[in-house]
Protein backbone atom coordinates (compact mmCIF):
# COMPACT_ATOMS: atom_id res chain seq x y z
CA MET A 1 14.24 20.35 58.31
CA SER A 2 15.83 17.57 56.26
CA ARG A 3 14.26 14.16 56.43
CA ARG A 4 16.21 11.09 55.49
CA LEU A 5 14.12 8.24 54.15
CA SER A 6 15.51 5.66 56.55
CA ALA A 7 12.08 4.16 57.18
CA LEU A 8 11.80 3.45 53.46
CA GLU A 9 15.30 1.94 53.20
CA PHE A 10 16.66 4.89 51.18
CA ASP A 11 19.38 6.17 53.49
CA ALA A 12 21.17 8.05 50.71
CA ILE A 13 18.13 10.13 49.72
CA THR A 14 17.20 13.27 51.67
CA ILE A 15 14.14 15.53 51.41
CA GLU A 16 14.27 19.20 52.32
CA GLY A 17 11.00 21.13 52.29
CA GLY A 18 7.82 19.97 50.65
CA LEU A 19 8.87 19.17 47.10
CA LEU A 20 7.60 15.58 47.23
CA PRO A 21 6.69 13.74 50.45
CA ALA A 22 8.49 10.58 51.49
CA GLU A 23 5.34 8.53 50.97
CA TRP A 24 5.16 9.66 47.36
CA LEU A 25 8.79 8.74 46.73
CA ALA A 26 7.94 5.29 48.04
CA ASN A 27 5.16 5.10 45.44
CA ILE A 28 7.64 6.09 42.73
CA ALA A 29 10.11 3.44 43.88
CA SER A 30 7.29 0.85 43.76
CA LEU A 31 6.19 2.00 40.26
CA LYS A 32 2.79 3.01 41.64
CA ALA A 33 2.89 6.65 40.55
CA PRO A 34 1.29 7.98 37.34
CA GLN A 35 3.25 7.95 34.07
CA GLN A 36 5.57 5.13 35.07
CA SER A 37 4.93 2.61 32.33
CA VAL A 38 7.71 1.05 30.29
CA THR A 39 6.73 3.32 27.41
CA ASP A 40 6.85 6.43 29.60
CA TYR A 41 10.50 5.73 30.39
CA GLY A 42 11.37 4.92 26.78
CA VAL A 43 12.27 1.31 27.49
CA PRO A 44 12.32 -0.84 24.30
CA ARG A 45 9.57 -3.38 23.83
CA GLY A 46 10.35 -6.78 25.28
CA LEU A 47 12.28 -5.31 28.22
CA ASN A 48 11.06 -4.26 31.65
CA LEU A 49 12.09 -1.46 33.96
CA ARG A 50 13.73 -3.74 36.50
CA ASP A 51 16.04 -5.21 33.86
CA GLU A 52 16.93 -1.73 32.64
CA LEU A 53 17.70 -0.57 36.16
CA GLY A 54 20.26 -3.34 36.53
CA ARG A 55 21.90 -2.41 33.25
CA TYR A 56 22.04 1.31 34.05
CA TRP A 57 23.37 0.55 37.52
CA ARG A 58 26.42 -1.11 35.98
CA ILE A 59 26.94 1.79 33.58
CA ALA A 60 26.65 4.31 36.41
CA GLU A 61 29.13 2.33 38.52
CA ALA A 62 31.65 2.50 35.68
CA HIS A 63 31.28 6.28 35.37
CA TRP A 64 31.62 6.67 39.13
CA ALA A 65 34.77 4.55 39.19
CA ASP A 66 36.36 6.80 36.55
CA PHE A 67 35.31 9.93 38.45
CA ALA A 68 36.52 8.65 41.83
CA ALA A 69 39.87 7.54 40.42
CA ALA A 70 40.47 10.90 38.73
CA ARG A 71 39.54 13.07 41.74
CA ALA A 72 42.89 12.67 43.51
CA ARG A 73 44.93 13.90 40.55
CA ALA A 74 42.52 16.28 38.84
CA GLU A 75 43.82 19.80 38.27
CA ASP A 76 40.41 21.20 37.29
CA SER A 77 37.87 19.73 39.70
CA GLN A 78 34.96 21.56 38.07
CA ALA A 79 35.77 20.18 34.63
CA LEU A 80 36.02 16.71 36.16
CA ALA A 81 32.63 17.02 37.85
CA ARG A 82 31.10 18.46 34.68
CA ARG A 83 32.35 15.58 32.57
CA PHE A 84 31.08 13.03 35.08
CA MET A 85 27.62 14.57 35.33
CA VAL A 86 27.19 15.04 31.58
CA ASN A 87 28.18 11.41 31.02
CA LEU A 88 25.87 10.26 33.81
CA PHE A 89 22.85 12.10 32.43
CA ARG A 90 23.56 11.10 28.84
CA ASP A 91 24.37 7.42 29.39
CA VAL A 92 22.33 6.61 32.51
CA PHE A 93 19.43 9.06 32.76
CA ALA A 94 18.66 9.01 29.03
CA ALA A 95 19.40 12.69 28.36
CA SER A 96 20.80 11.88 24.94
CA ASP A 97 20.55 15.48 23.72
CA ILE A 98 22.42 17.05 26.63
CA GLN A 99 24.59 19.97 25.59
CA THR A 100 27.12 21.99 27.58
CA HIS A 101 26.87 25.79 27.54
CA ALA A 102 29.93 27.87 26.71
CA GLU A 103 28.21 31.19 27.45
CA PRO A 104 25.79 32.26 30.20
CA THR A 105 22.08 32.20 29.40
CA LEU A 106 20.58 35.69 29.28
CA ILE A 107 17.05 36.22 30.67
CA GLY A 108 16.07 39.86 30.78
CA GLU A 109 19.11 41.70 32.09
CA HIS A 110 20.47 38.81 34.14
CA HIS A 111 23.07 36.22 33.26
CA TYR A 112 22.75 32.58 34.30
CA PRO A 113 25.93 30.53 33.70
CA ILE A 114 24.23 27.14 33.63
CA THR A 115 26.50 24.21 32.85
CA ALA A 116 24.36 22.17 30.48
CA SER A 117 20.78 21.47 29.47
CA ALA A 118 18.71 18.73 27.86
CA ARG A 119 15.19 18.15 26.58
CA GLU A 120 15.44 21.50 24.74
CA GLY A 121 15.90 23.40 27.96
CA ARG A 122 13.43 21.48 30.13
CA LEU A 123 16.32 19.97 32.11
CA PRO A 124 18.90 22.58 33.22
CA LEU A 125 22.02 21.30 34.97
CA ILE A 126 24.38 23.28 37.21
CA VAL A 127 27.67 21.60 38.12
CA ALA A 128 29.95 22.87 40.87
CA ALA A 129 33.55 21.86 41.41
CA ALA A 130 33.95 18.31 42.69
CA GLY A 131 33.45 18.38 46.43
CA GLN A 132 32.50 22.07 46.60
CA ARG A 133 29.41 22.59 48.75
CA LEU A 134 26.33 23.32 46.68
CA ASP A 135 25.45 26.19 49.03
CA GLU A 136 28.92 27.77 48.93
CA ARG A 137 28.90 31.21 47.34
CA ASP A 138 31.27 31.64 44.41
CA ARG A 139 31.79 34.33 41.78
CA ARG A 140 31.66 31.70 39.02
CA TYR A 141 27.93 31.20 39.59
CA GLY A 142 27.09 34.85 40.03
CA ASP A 143 25.59 37.58 37.86
CA HIS A 144 28.11 40.32 36.98
CA ASN A 145 29.84 41.11 40.31
CA ARG A 146 27.34 39.24 42.44
CA GLN A 147 28.37 36.00 44.14
CA ARG A 148 26.01 33.07 44.22
CA SER A 149 26.10 29.37 45.12
CA ALA A 150 25.61 26.64 42.54
CA PHE A 151 22.25 25.79 44.05
CA GLY A 152 21.35 29.48 44.26
CA LEU A 153 22.10 29.78 40.55
CA LEU A 154 19.82 26.85 39.78
CA GLN A 155 17.01 28.27 41.91
CA ASP A 156 17.31 31.74 40.39
CA TYR A 157 17.30 30.27 36.90
CA LEU A 158 14.22 28.14 37.52
CA ASN A 159 12.42 31.15 38.99
CA ALA A 160 13.26 33.26 35.93
CA ALA A 161 12.86 30.76 33.08
CA ASP A 162 9.41 30.11 31.63
CA HIS A 163 10.34 26.88 29.84
CA ALA A 164 11.82 24.98 32.83
CA LEU A 165 10.15 24.14 36.14
CA TRP A 166 12.61 21.57 37.46
CA GLY A 167 16.39 21.32 37.38
CA VAL A 168 19.46 19.69 38.89
CA ALA A 169 22.55 20.94 40.73
CA SER A 170 25.50 18.69 41.53
CA ASN A 171 29.12 18.68 42.63
CA GLY A 172 29.73 15.10 41.54
CA LEU A 173 29.20 13.77 45.05
CA LEU A 174 25.68 15.06 45.64
CA LEU A 175 22.81 15.36 43.18
CA ARG A 176 20.08 17.85 44.10
CA LEU A 177 16.70 18.10 42.36
CA ALA A 178 14.86 21.41 42.71
CA ARG A 179 11.80 23.19 41.38
CA ASP A 180 10.75 26.78 40.66
CA ASN A 181 10.38 28.21 44.18
CA ALA A 182 10.11 31.92 44.92
CA SER A 183 10.50 31.46 48.69
CA LEU A 184 13.85 32.68 50.02
CA THR A 185 13.27 31.31 53.51
CA ARG A 186 11.97 27.81 52.77
CA PRO A 187 14.26 26.06 50.26
CA ALA A 188 13.06 22.74 48.90
CA TRP A 189 14.93 19.93 47.20
CA ILE A 190 15.48 16.20 46.97
CA GLU A 191 19.12 15.24 47.34
CA ALA A 192 20.96 12.01 46.56
CA ASP A 193 24.33 11.18 48.09
CA LEU A 194 26.07 9.67 45.06
CA GLU A 195 29.17 8.81 47.06
CA ARG A 196 27.16 6.66 49.47
CA ILE A 197 25.09 5.11 46.69
CA PHE A 198 28.14 3.85 44.80
CA THR A 199 30.64 3.16 47.58
CA GLU A 200 28.04 1.33 49.67
CA GLU A 201 26.42 -0.29 46.61
CA ARG A 202 22.94 1.02 47.41
CA PHE A 203 21.05 -0.32 44.42
CA ALA A 204 17.63 0.50 45.91
CA ASP A 205 18.60 4.16 46.32
CA PHE A 206 19.97 4.24 42.79
CA SER A 207 16.74 2.75 41.45
CA LEU A 208 14.68 5.49 43.05
CA LEU A 209 17.13 8.11 41.79
CA TRP A 210 16.91 6.74 38.23
CA LEU A 211 13.11 6.71 38.30
CA LEU A 212 13.15 10.28 39.61
CA MET A 213 15.92 11.78 37.44
CA HIS A 214 15.23 10.07 34.13
CA ALA A 215 15.17 12.73 31.42
CA SER A 216 11.58 11.88 30.51
CA ARG A 217 10.49 13.15 33.95
CA PHE A 218 11.32 16.72 32.92
CA GLY A 219 8.87 16.79 30.01
CA ASP A 220 9.08 17.38 26.28
CA ALA A 221 9.44 20.56 24.28
CA ASP A 222 6.05 20.06 22.63
CA THR A 223 4.19 20.01 25.97
CA LEU A 224 3.75 22.61 28.69
CA PRO A 225 6.29 22.51 31.55
CA GLN A 226 3.35 21.95 33.93
CA GLN A 227 2.60 18.66 32.14
CA CYS A 228 5.93 16.98 32.90
CA PRO A 229 5.75 13.86 35.11
CA LEU A 230 7.58 15.53 37.99
CA GLU A 231 4.95 18.26 38.10
CA VAL A 232 2.13 15.74 37.73
CA TRP A 233 3.52 13.85 40.73
CA ARG A 234 3.82 17.03 42.76
CA GLU A 235 0.23 18.05 42.08
CA ALA A 236 -1.02 14.54 42.82
CA SER A 237 0.87 14.48 46.12
CA LYS A 238 -0.65 17.84 47.09
CA GLU A 239 -4.13 16.53 46.32
CA GLN A 240 -3.42 13.40 48.31
CA GLY A 241 -2.20 15.54 51.21
CA THR A 242 -5.45 17.53 51.14
CA ARG A 243 -7.49 14.33 51.35
CA ALA A 244 -5.26 13.06 54.15
CA ARG A 245 -5.83 16.25 56.15
CA ASP A 246 -9.58 15.84 55.76
CA GLN A 247 -9.34 12.25 56.94
CA LEU A 248 -7.12 13.34 59.83
CA ARG A 249 -9.74 15.83 61.00
CA GLN A 250 -12.38 13.10 60.99
CA GLY A 251 -10.03 10.73 62.79
CA VAL A 252 -9.23 13.31 65.47
CA GLU A 253 -12.94 13.83 66.11
CA ALA A 254 -13.51 10.08 66.45
CA ALA A 255 -10.48 9.73 68.77
CA LEU A 256 -11.68 12.56 71.02
CA GLN A 257 -15.06 10.86 71.42
CA ALA A 258 -13.57 7.39 72.01
CA LEU A 259 -11.03 8.55 74.60
CA GLY A 260 -13.37 11.01 76.28
CA GLN A 261 -16.08 8.38 76.72
CA GLY A 262 -13.51 5.75 77.73
CA PHE A 263 -12.09 7.89 80.54
CA LEU A 264 -15.56 8.69 81.85
CA ALA A 265 -16.83 5.14 81.61
CA ASP A 266 -14.03 3.50 83.59
CA ALA A 267 -15.24 2.55 87.07
CA THR A 268 -12.05 3.78 88.78
CA ASN A 269 -12.34 7.32 87.39
CA GLU A 270 -14.91 8.59 89.91
CA SER A 271 -12.75 11.66 90.65
CA LEU A 272 -12.92 12.69 86.99
CA ARG A 273 -16.69 12.38 86.90
CA GLN A 274 -17.00 14.40 90.11
CA ALA A 275 -14.64 17.12 88.81
CA LEU A 276 -16.77 17.52 85.70
CA ALA A 277 -20.05 17.46 87.63
CA SER A 278 -18.88 20.08 90.17
CA GLY A 279 -17.36 22.36 87.58
CA GLN A 280 -13.84 21.93 88.97
CA LEU A 281 -12.95 20.70 85.48
CA SER A 282 -14.87 22.45 82.72
CA ALA A 283 -16.01 20.73 79.56
CA GLN A 284 -13.62 22.94 77.60
CA GLY A 285 -10.76 22.04 79.91
CA TYR A 286 -11.49 18.35 79.48
CA PHE A 287 -11.61 18.83 75.73
CA GLN A 288 -8.21 20.55 75.70
CA GLN A 289 -6.66 17.71 77.70
CA LEU A 290 -8.08 15.14 75.29
CA LEU A 291 -6.94 17.15 72.28
CA ARG A 292 -3.40 17.32 73.57
CA LEU A 293 -3.42 13.58 74.16
CA VAL A 294 -4.67 12.85 70.64
CA TYR A 295 -1.99 15.01 69.08
CA ARG A 296 0.64 13.31 71.20
CA LEU A 297 -0.49 10.01 69.72
CA ILE A 298 -0.34 11.44 66.18
CA PHE A 299 3.12 12.86 66.84
CA LEU A 300 4.39 9.55 68.20
CA LEU A 301 2.95 7.50 65.36
CA THR A 302 4.50 9.87 62.82
CA VAL A 303 8.01 9.55 64.21
CA GLU A 304 7.56 5.77 64.44
CA GLU A 305 6.47 5.52 60.79
CA ARG A 306 9.38 7.66 59.59
CA GLY A 307 11.97 5.73 61.56
CA LEU A 308 12.98 8.77 63.64
CA LEU A 309 12.39 7.41 67.14
CA HIS A 310 15.44 5.19 67.50
CA PRO A 311 19.06 6.25 66.90
CA HIS A 312 21.17 4.12 64.58
CA GLU A 313 23.20 2.73 67.51
CA ALA A 314 20.12 1.53 69.43
CA ASP A 315 20.12 -2.08 70.60
CA PRO A 316 18.10 -4.04 67.98
CA HIS A 317 16.57 -6.13 70.76
CA ALA A 318 15.40 -2.98 72.54
CA VAL A 319 13.96 -1.58 69.30
CA GLN A 320 12.03 -4.80 68.71
CA LEU A 321 10.89 -4.84 72.34
CA TYR A 322 9.51 -1.33 71.90
CA ALA A 323 7.68 -2.29 68.71
CA ASP A 324 6.14 -5.40 70.31
CA GLY A 325 5.25 -3.97 73.71
CA TYR A 326 5.03 -0.19 73.51
CA GLY A 327 4.72 1.07 69.92
CA LEU A 328 1.60 2.70 68.56
CA ARG A 329 1.69 0.67 65.37
CA ARG A 330 0.79 -2.45 67.35
CA LEU A 331 -2.26 -0.58 68.71
CA ARG A 332 -3.27 0.44 65.21
CA GLU A 333 -3.11 -3.15 64.01
CA ARG A 334 -5.04 -4.34 67.05
CA ALA A 335 -7.72 -1.69 66.53
CA ARG A 336 -8.48 -3.21 63.15
CA ARG A 337 -9.53 -6.45 64.85
CA ARG A 338 -12.68 -5.82 66.83
CA ARG A 339 -12.41 -9.12 68.63
CA ALA A 340 -9.22 -7.77 70.29
CA TRP A 341 -11.16 -4.99 72.07
CA ASP A 342 -11.71 -5.40 75.82
CA ARG A 343 -12.55 -3.39 78.93
CA HIS A 344 -9.10 -3.45 80.55
CA ALA A 345 -6.65 -0.54 80.97
CA ASN A 346 -3.44 -2.40 80.14
CA LEU A 347 -2.98 -0.77 76.73
CA TRP A 348 -3.18 2.68 78.30
CA GLN A 349 -0.64 1.68 80.96
CA SER A 350 1.77 0.57 78.23
CA LEU A 351 1.67 4.06 76.72
CA LYS A 352 2.61 5.90 79.92
CA PRO A 353 6.30 4.82 79.99
CA VAL A 354 6.57 5.89 76.35
CA PHE A 355 5.41 9.39 77.24
CA VAL A 356 7.85 9.49 80.15
CA GLY A 357 10.69 8.22 77.94
CA LEU A 358 10.05 10.87 75.32
CA LEU A 359 10.04 13.58 77.97
CA GLU A 360 13.20 12.49 79.77
CA ALA A 361 15.01 10.63 76.97
CA SER A 362 15.62 7.93 79.57
CA ARG A 363 15.57 4.16 79.61
CA CYS A 364 12.30 2.34 79.87
CA TRP A 365 11.32 1.83 83.51
CA ARG A 366 10.36 -1.78 82.87
CA CYS A 367 12.94 -3.39 80.56
CA ARG A 368 15.87 -1.07 81.45
CA ARG A 369 17.26 -1.69 77.98
CA TRP A 370 15.26 0.81 75.99
CA ALA A 371 17.97 3.36 75.20
CA ALA A 372 16.03 4.09 72.07
CA CYS A 373 14.22 7.41 72.43
CA LEU A 374 15.54 10.84 71.56
CA PRO A 375 14.35 14.12 73.07
CA PRO A 376 11.20 15.17 71.24
CA THR A 377 11.53 17.55 68.32
CA ASN A 378 8.56 19.57 69.52
CA ALA A 379 9.07 19.70 73.27
CA ARG A 380 5.91 21.73 73.84
CA THR A 381 3.94 18.66 72.82
CA TRP A 382 5.29 16.87 75.88
CA ILE A 383 4.97 19.52 78.63
CA TRP A 384 5.04 17.74 82.01
CA PRO A 385 3.17 16.94 84.15
CA LEU A 386 0.64 15.30 81.93
CA SER A 387 -2.86 16.61 82.25
CA ALA A 388 -4.86 15.17 85.13
CA THR A 389 -6.96 13.18 82.72
CA ALA A 390 -4.10 11.59 80.84
CA HIS A 391 -1.90 10.98 83.89
CA CYS A 392 -4.35 9.73 86.51
CA CYS A 393 -7.31 8.24 84.70
CA LYS A 394 -7.72 5.08 82.72
CA PRO A 395 -9.80 4.44 79.61
CA TYR A 396 -10.87 1.03 78.50
CA SER A 397 -8.34 -0.61 76.21
CA SER A 398 -11.03 -0.66 73.55
CA SER A 399 -11.14 3.13 73.74
CA VAL A 400 -7.37 3.38 73.26
CA GLY A 401 -7.67 0.99 70.32
CA CYS A 402 -10.41 3.07 68.72
CA ALA A 403 -8.27 6.20 69.09
CA ALA A 404 -5.13 4.73 67.54
CA PRO A 405 -4.47 6.94 64.48
CA ALA A 406 -4.83 5.35 61.09
CA ALA A 407 -1.92 5.22 58.69
């Protein structure tokens, strides 16, 4: 499922699959990823990356203006898109050695009509006709009598070539970065909407795109393809994801203990204690209820962090009201301050209308202005009614604070 980086202010950048996570792209945009020094990007001494980004932004805008003006009268839309992309990579993304290919590249018995390449083959480029969908099958991108899309051609080429791991497909309006990927059912790419970037003057999106697509990111001919910065970032993000999963497991265990003890300790939850003592509710049953609750909290915090909870047309006042009075992020911040812990159940009560809102996609029962929640992506997470523990019992607010997932 595609994820737009709205939470990171990059509305023109979309991720499909697990090529690089959104959090890692944020690191790249902030120059916090490995191999992002001035020297790594080939910037002359005495200049900095931010200055260069401004200069390349103006150059890119000029190329876009020429491309946009010529689209209406172009007789050969593929030649137009090819010229635009070659100029963009040569003059903006520092692919000074980019060369167009007159003949298909032969690997084994298969032909790959790639458009151009740079970095001695490390950066292959496939260009479709201006405006043609990158997933639209066409004989021009095929092998012999086989039809293939422009993106399909790129993916097949990357899977077959030993000297290139990453490549780019574009139709002039979209720019799609892909990697060697043998999976036919789980495509993966990072896509930039060039039309939005330039018509809406999205300099932040362009900056991320430049840092990601710069020719140096695809490696040099005298190094292994696996040593290119894009691959280094991918491996580092996978390692970071492994550590995050380990930390998540530890956090889930701590949350289960905090919530389980909080429910049992509350003076008004005598019925829960009796149900456990009599065997009406087994220890395993109690555990399953707590586990579902914890994963609901994780799910909710994830959609909050990625900016997926509120539609674009939501009332800004309602969105802010949710963040201040209902959101999980406020609980996470409060949990970091031990002096804010108490023995009241008000924090738990503030979560209940959120659960109801996610189930019913309705307005908040209290403010009546919260038209901000969409139906949940994973509806099974929100099966109603809530478990007896989560619906009827109250933990101390300190327990809810302890269980608030960490970022």
